Amino acid sequence: MDRRCFLSRVGRMAAASGVALAATAEAGEGLPDAAAAMPTISLGKHRVTRLVVGSNPINGYSYLGSQMDRHMSEYFTVERTTEFLLSCEHAGINTHQFSDSASGKGEAILRKVRERGSQMNFICLHAEREKIKQTAKKTRPFAMVHHGGVTDRLIGEGKSREVHDYVKAVHDQGLLAGVSAHNPDCIRRIADEGWEVDFFMACFYFLTRKAFQKPGEQPPPPETLEISYPFYRNDPAAMTEVIRQVRQPCLGFKILAAGRMCANEEMVRNAFRFAFEHVKPTDGVIVGMYPRFSDEISENAQYARELGKLPAA
């Protein structure tokens, strides 16, 4: 079977699973027992699976260069993304973190998924305070989170008040308010200052180091050429230390280092194991998936069930 034929068959399989899920929802039936066993945490009054499906691949952000960005963006059409999210739900993942974008792609996807009977929870990653009400009305998330790259930049520029005002504005809409960051010190500072943040999104890799360099400070040149962003080996330990210290739930993201920890099954499993062993029982992970060449949905869901199990009460 050539690759084109293979991908066509995969697409038909994904569509079939989506149709089956929609029929199940219309009939009022529950998810399979295996899916129901997915461990969950609380974000406000919402029960959220410890594995949340992310949106970077959907939006064409690979962190592996422009060609891979285009590869992902062309694959994730609105129709194919709809089937993808329905398949995630069928596998037991009940929450999707999406990003609001000028293209309107996210809004169209959420509308189609809901029309198919989905009961998924949606978290919106966002940064424009003046557009909170408009975005919330269009996409109907249960939570909105201040974008991590913008958080890091504003705090690095001494403008943390803008981030805090965003949190307050989200609460004014009756939604849960979160803050995302790549710099562990940003999360530590917000927690120490007692902001009314409901949860954090915490990147396992400090990708915005340059924004926090002191004037005139010149870091040593890297020994290898960088691909978009540098991923430092010891960053996950630094971020998870902070995650364990803050009282709020945290959703760790980039636990697979944007594909750099995906060379084989053992490497992926170890990354999931590290994540769940180094965060609190009240925390989860956000993982972007690109199921073009393997069934990453089922694989990641199984890792979350096995390695993210919570201790018996």
Protein backbone atom coordinates (compact mmCIF):
# COMPACT_ATOMS: atom_id res chain seq x y z
CA MET A 1 0.00 0.00 0.00
CA ASP A 2 1.50 3.39 -0.94
CA ARG A 3 1.45 6.34 1.47
CA ARG A 4 -1.39 8.13 -0.31
CA CYS A 5 -3.62 5.09 -0.07
CA PHE A 6 -2.61 4.57 3.56
CA LEU A 7 -3.45 8.16 4.55
CA SER A 8 -6.76 7.94 2.72
CA ARG A 9 -7.66 4.84 4.69
CA VAL A 10 -6.59 6.49 7.96
CA GLY A 11 -8.82 9.45 7.12
CA ARG A 12 -11.79 7.15 6.54
CA MET A 13 -11.14 5.39 9.83
CA ALA A 14 -11.03 8.70 11.68
CA ALA A 15 -14.25 9.82 10.04
CA ALA A 16 -15.93 6.55 10.97
CA SER A 17 -14.91 6.91 14.62
CA GLY A 18 -16.27 10.47 14.64
CA VAL A 19 -19.61 9.37 13.21
CA ALA A 20 -19.81 6.58 15.76
CA LEU A 21 -19.16 9.01 18.59
CA ALA A 22 -21.83 11.40 17.36
CA ALA A 23 -24.34 8.54 17.18
CA THR A 24 -23.42 7.48 20.70
CA ALA A 25 -23.93 11.01 22.01
CA GLU A 26 -27.32 11.30 20.29
CA ALA A 27 -28.38 7.99 21.82
CA GLY A 28 -27.38 9.22 25.28
CA GLU A 29 -24.91 6.41 25.75
CA GLY A 30 -21.65 6.73 27.69
CA LEU A 31 -18.11 6.32 26.48
CA PRO A 32 -16.40 2.91 26.52
CA ASP A 33 -15.24 1.59 29.89
CA ALA A 34 -11.58 2.13 28.97
CA ALA A 35 -12.27 5.78 28.14
CA ALA A 36 -14.23 6.27 31.35
CA ALA A 37 -11.18 5.15 33.33
CA MET A 38 -9.13 8.19 32.27
CA PRO A 39 -7.96 9.94 35.49
CA THR A 40 -9.39 13.40 36.07
CA ILE A 41 -8.65 16.54 38.08
CA SER A 42 -10.78 19.51 39.11
CA LEU A 43 -10.60 22.93 37.49
CA GLY A 44 -13.24 24.86 39.36
CA LYS A 45 -16.44 22.82 39.13
CA HIS A 46 -15.23 21.01 36.01
CA ARG A 47 -13.79 17.51 35.95
CA VAL A 48 -10.97 17.56 33.41
CA THR A 49 -8.98 14.58 32.19
CA ARG A 50 -5.34 14.66 33.22
CA LEU A 51 -4.52 14.51 29.53
CA VAL A 52 -5.74 17.58 27.63
CA VAL A 53 -5.34 17.76 23.86
CA GLY A 54 -3.41 20.83 22.75
CA SER A 55 -3.69 23.03 19.67
CA ASN A 56 -0.18 23.85 18.42
CA PRO A 57 -0.10 21.19 15.68
CA ILE A 58 -3.64 22.16 14.65
CA ASN A 59 -2.50 25.76 14.24
CA GLY A 60 0.70 24.80 12.44
CA TYR A 61 3.15 25.52 15.27
CA SER A 62 5.66 22.68 15.26
CA TYR A 63 8.72 24.37 16.82
CA LEU A 64 10.65 22.34 14.27
CA GLY A 65 10.90 24.83 11.41
CA SER A 66 8.70 26.38 8.74
CA GLN A 67 8.37 23.26 6.58
CA MET A 68 6.93 21.20 9.43
CA ASP A 69 4.68 24.13 10.36
CA ARG A 70 3.22 24.04 6.87
CA HIS A 71 2.96 20.25 6.94
CA MET A 72 0.81 20.37 10.07
CA SER A 73 -1.28 23.34 8.99
CA GLU A 74 -2.17 21.74 5.65
CA TYR A 75 -3.12 18.47 7.35
CA PHE A 76 -5.40 19.98 9.99
CA THR A 77 -8.25 21.30 7.89
CA VAL A 78 -11.44 22.26 9.74
CA GLU A 79 -13.08 18.99 8.71
CA ARG A 80 -10.12 16.78 9.62
CA THR A 81 -9.64 18.60 12.95
CA THR A 82 -13.29 18.03 13.78
CA GLU A 83 -12.84 14.29 13.29
CA PHE A 84 -9.58 14.42 15.24
CA LEU A 85 -11.22 15.99 18.31
CA LEU A 86 -14.16 13.59 18.18
CA SER A 87 -11.64 10.73 18.12
CA CYS A 88 -9.88 12.23 21.14
CA GLU A 89 -13.17 12.34 23.00
CA HIS A 90 -13.94 8.76 22.02
CA ALA A 91 -10.55 7.78 23.47
CA GLY A 92 -11.55 9.33 26.80
CA ILE A 93 -9.96 12.80 26.58
CA ASN A 94 -12.64 15.28 27.62
CA THR A 95 -10.84 18.63 27.28
CA HIS A 96 -9.24 20.61 24.46
CA GLN A 97 -7.04 23.69 24.86
CA PHE A 98 -7.52 25.79 21.74
CA SER A 99 -6.07 29.12 20.66
CA ASP A 100 -8.18 31.98 19.41
CA SER A 101 -6.84 33.20 16.08
CA ALA A 102 -7.61 35.88 13.53
CA SER A 103 -8.34 33.19 10.92
CA GLY A 104 -11.44 32.04 12.79
CA LYS A 105 -10.39 28.41 12.36
CA GLY A 106 -10.78 27.63 16.05
CA GLU A 107 -14.30 29.02 16.17
CA ALA A 108 -15.34 26.99 13.12
CA ILE A 109 -13.87 23.79 14.56
CA LEU A 110 -15.60 24.19 17.92
CA ARG A 111 -18.92 24.87 16.24
CA LYS A 112 -18.68 21.73 14.09
CA VAL A 113 -17.55 19.56 17.01
CA ARG A 114 -20.51 20.71 19.09
CA GLU A 115 -22.89 20.14 16.19
CA ARG A 116 -21.69 16.53 16.16
CA GLY A 117 -22.79 16.06 19.77
CA SER A 118 -19.46 16.53 21.54
CA GLN A 119 -19.44 17.19 25.28
CA MET A 120 -15.80 18.26 25.45
CA ASN A 121 -14.61 21.03 27.75
CA PHE A 122 -12.76 23.90 26.05
CA ILE A 123 -9.97 26.11 27.39
CA CYS A 124 -9.11 29.22 25.37
CA LEU A 125 -5.51 30.45 25.19
CA HIS A 126 -5.75 34.17 24.55
CA ALA A 127 -4.05 37.51 25.24
CA GLU A 128 -6.17 40.51 24.22
CA ARG A 129 -8.08 41.87 27.23
CA GLU A 130 -10.34 44.09 25.10
CA LYS A 131 -11.54 41.04 23.14
CA ILE A 132 -12.29 38.71 26.06
CA LYS A 133 -16.06 39.22 25.99
CA GLN A 134 -16.26 38.85 22.21
CA THR A 135 -14.11 35.71 22.16
CA ALA A 136 -15.97 34.12 25.05
CA LYS A 137 -19.30 34.69 23.31
CA LYS A 138 -18.09 33.16 20.03
CA THR A 139 -16.27 30.12 21.40
CA ARG A 140 -17.96 29.43 24.78
CA PRO A 141 -14.96 28.11 26.75
CA PHE A 142 -15.20 27.38 30.46
CA ALA A 143 -11.80 29.03 31.02
CA MET A 144 -9.50 31.57 29.38
CA VAL A 145 -5.74 31.61 29.89
CA HIS A 146 -3.32 34.46 29.29
CA HIS A 147 -0.88 33.43 26.54
CA GLY A 148 2.49 32.23 27.86
CA GLY A 149 4.74 34.09 25.45
CA VAL A 150 2.88 37.33 26.12
CA THR A 151 2.98 36.70 29.88
CA ASP A 152 6.74 36.27 29.79
CA ARG A 153 7.26 39.37 27.66
CA LEU A 154 5.05 41.63 29.76
CA ILE A 155 6.52 40.51 33.07
CA GLY A 156 10.03 40.84 31.61
CA GLU A 157 9.17 44.43 30.66
CA GLY A 158 7.83 45.22 34.13
CA LYS A 159 4.19 45.21 32.97
CA SER A 160 2.79 42.42 35.13
CA ARG A 161 -0.25 44.57 35.90
CA GLU A 162 -1.51 44.00 32.35
CA VAL A 163 -1.51 40.25 32.95
CA HIS A 164 -3.25 40.69 36.30
CA ASP A 165 -5.90 42.92 34.71
CA TYR A 166 -6.51 40.21 32.12
CA VAL A 167 -7.19 37.68 34.89
CA LYS A 168 -9.69 40.05 36.51
CA ALA A 169 -11.43 40.70 33.19
CA VAL A 170 -11.87 36.98 32.54
CA HIS A 171 -13.46 36.56 35.98
CA ASP A 172 -15.82 39.42 35.14
CA GLN A 173 -17.19 37.18 32.36
CA GLY A 174 -17.89 34.39 34.84
CA LEU A 175 -15.10 32.16 33.51
CA LEU A 176 -12.13 30.48 35.14
CA ALA A 177 -8.97 32.51 34.63
CA GLY A 178 -5.54 31.01 34.08
CA VAL A 179 -2.05 32.24 33.30
CA SER A 180 0.41 30.46 31.05
CA ALA A 181 4.18 30.96 31.27
CA HIS A 182 7.46 29.46 30.08
CA ASN A 183 9.54 31.06 32.82
CA PRO A 184 9.14 29.29 36.19
CA ASP A 185 9.83 32.57 38.00
CA CYS A 186 6.72 34.12 36.44
CA ILE A 187 4.51 31.44 37.96
CA ARG A 188 6.33 31.63 41.29
CA ARG A 189 5.91 35.41 41.41
CA ILE A 190 2.20 35.33 40.60
CA ALA A 191 1.62 32.67 43.27
CA ASP A 192 3.67 34.58 45.86
CA GLU A 193 1.75 37.80 45.16
CA GLY A 194 -1.55 35.98 45.68
CA TRP A 195 -3.21 36.70 42.36
CA GLU A 196 -6.72 35.23 42.04
CA VAL A 197 -5.60 32.74 39.38
CA ASP A 198 -7.62 29.53 39.12
CA PHE A 199 -4.88 27.49 37.44
CA PHE A 200 -1.60 27.76 35.55
CA MET A 201 -0.35 26.44 32.24
CA ALA A 202 3.35 25.72 32.73
CA CYS A 203 5.77 25.03 29.88
CA PHE A 204 8.35 22.36 30.64
CA TYR A 205 10.91 24.36 28.65
CA PHE A 206 11.98 27.98 29.24
CA LEU A 207 11.67 29.06 25.61
CA THR A 208 11.66 32.80 26.31
CA ARG A 209 15.04 33.15 28.01
CA LYS A 210 16.10 36.00 25.74
CA ALA A 211 13.28 38.19 27.06
CA PHE A 212 14.81 38.02 30.55
CA GLN A 213 18.45 38.75 29.72
CA LYS A 214 19.86 41.72 31.56
CA PRO A 215 20.93 44.72 29.44
CA GLY A 216 24.34 44.03 27.97
CA GLU A 217 24.28 40.39 29.08
CA GLN A 218 25.53 38.05 26.37
CA PRO A 219 24.93 34.34 26.91
CA PRO A 220 27.54 31.96 25.53
CA PRO A 221 26.84 30.97 21.91
CA PRO A 222 25.15 27.57 21.56
CA GLU A 223 27.29 24.68 20.43
CA THR A 224 24.67 23.62 17.89
CA LEU A 225 22.40 25.51 15.51
CA GLU A 226 19.01 26.24 17.01
CA ILE A 227 15.79 25.10 15.37
CA SER A 228 13.30 27.85 16.21
CA TYR A 229 13.84 27.63 19.98
CA PRO A 230 16.46 26.13 22.30
CA PHE A 231 15.23 23.27 24.49
CA TYR A 232 17.44 22.85 27.57
CA ARG A 233 17.66 19.39 29.09
CA ASN A 234 17.25 20.48 32.73
CA ASP A 235 14.32 22.85 32.22
CA PRO A 236 11.57 20.31 33.06
CA ALA A 237 13.06 19.75 36.52
CA ALA A 238 13.07 23.50 37.20
CA MET A 239 9.48 24.02 36.09
CA THR A 240 8.05 20.98 37.86
CA GLU A 241 9.69 22.12 41.10
CA VAL A 242 7.63 25.30 40.90
CA ILE A 243 4.52 23.38 39.85
CA ARG A 244 4.74 21.32 43.03
CA GLN A 245 5.07 24.46 45.16
CA VAL A 246 2.02 26.40 43.99
CA ARG A 247 -1.38 25.54 45.41
CA GLN A 248 -3.29 26.00 42.15
CA PRO A 249 -3.72 23.17 39.67
CA CYS A 250 -1.23 23.29 36.80
CA LEU A 251 -1.37 21.95 33.26
CA GLY A 252 2.16 21.17 32.08
CA PHE A 253 2.76 21.53 28.36
CA LYS A 254 5.50 20.65 25.89
CA ILE A 255 6.26 17.57 27.96
CA LEU A 256 7.54 15.96 24.73
CA ALA A 257 9.74 18.96 23.90
CA ALA A 258 7.75 19.69 20.73
CA GLY A 259 8.57 16.30 19.22
CA ARG A 260 12.17 16.13 20.40
CA MET A 261 11.25 13.39 22.89
CA CYS A 262 9.41 11.25 20.34
CA ALA A 263 12.17 9.20 18.69
CA ASN A 264 10.61 5.93 19.92
CA GLU A 265 7.86 4.57 22.13
CA GLU A 266 10.10 4.22 25.18
CA MET A 267 11.14 7.87 24.98
CA VAL A 268 7.52 9.03 24.79
CA ARG A 269 6.50 6.79 27.69
CA ASN A 270 9.37 8.08 29.81
CA ALA A 271 8.37 11.68 29.10
CA PHE A 272 4.82 10.96 30.27
CA ARG A 273 6.18 9.13 33.32
CA PHE A 274 8.46 12.04 34.25
CA ALA A 275 5.60 14.50 33.90
CA PHE A 276 3.12 12.63 36.07
CA GLU A 277 5.73 11.71 38.69
CA HIS A 278 6.94 15.30 39.07
CA VAL A 279 3.66 17.21 39.29
CA LYS A 280 0.95 17.27 41.94
CA PRO A 281 -1.99 14.83 41.91
CA THR A 282 -4.17 17.87 41.15
CA ASP A 283 -2.25 18.63 37.95
CA GLY A 284 -2.49 17.46 34.35
CA VAL A 285 -0.68 17.76 31.03
CA ILE A 286 -1.48 19.29 27.65
CA VAL A 287 -0.17 17.36 24.65
CA GLY A 288 -0.40 18.34 21.01
CA MET A 289 -0.88 15.40 18.65
CA TYR A 290 -0.20 14.81 14.96
CA PRO A 291 -1.78 11.45 14.13
CA ARG A 292 -0.80 11.47 10.49
CA PHE A 293 1.53 8.47 10.65
CA SER A 294 0.57 6.68 13.87
CA ASP A 295 -2.36 6.52 16.27
CA GLU A 296 -1.02 9.11 18.72
CA ILE A 297 -4.47 9.61 20.21
CA SER A 298 -4.81 6.05 21.51
CA GLU A 299 -1.13 5.84 22.45
CA ASN A 300 -1.16 9.03 24.52
CA ALA A 301 -4.49 8.20 26.12
CA GLN A 302 -3.09 4.86 27.24
CA TYR A 303 0.03 6.50 28.72
CA ALA A 304 -2.22 8.85 30.68
CA ARG A 305 -4.31 5.97 32.02
CA GLU A 306 -1.31 3.91 33.05
CA LEU A 307 1.05 6.60 34.30
CA GLY A 308 -1.39 9.30 35.41
CA LYS A 309 -3.47 7.10 37.72
CA LEU A 310 -4.26 8.84 40.98
CA PRO A 311 -3.68 7.07 44.32
CA ALA A 312 -6.73 5.53 45.92
CA ALA A 313 -8.48 7.81 48.39
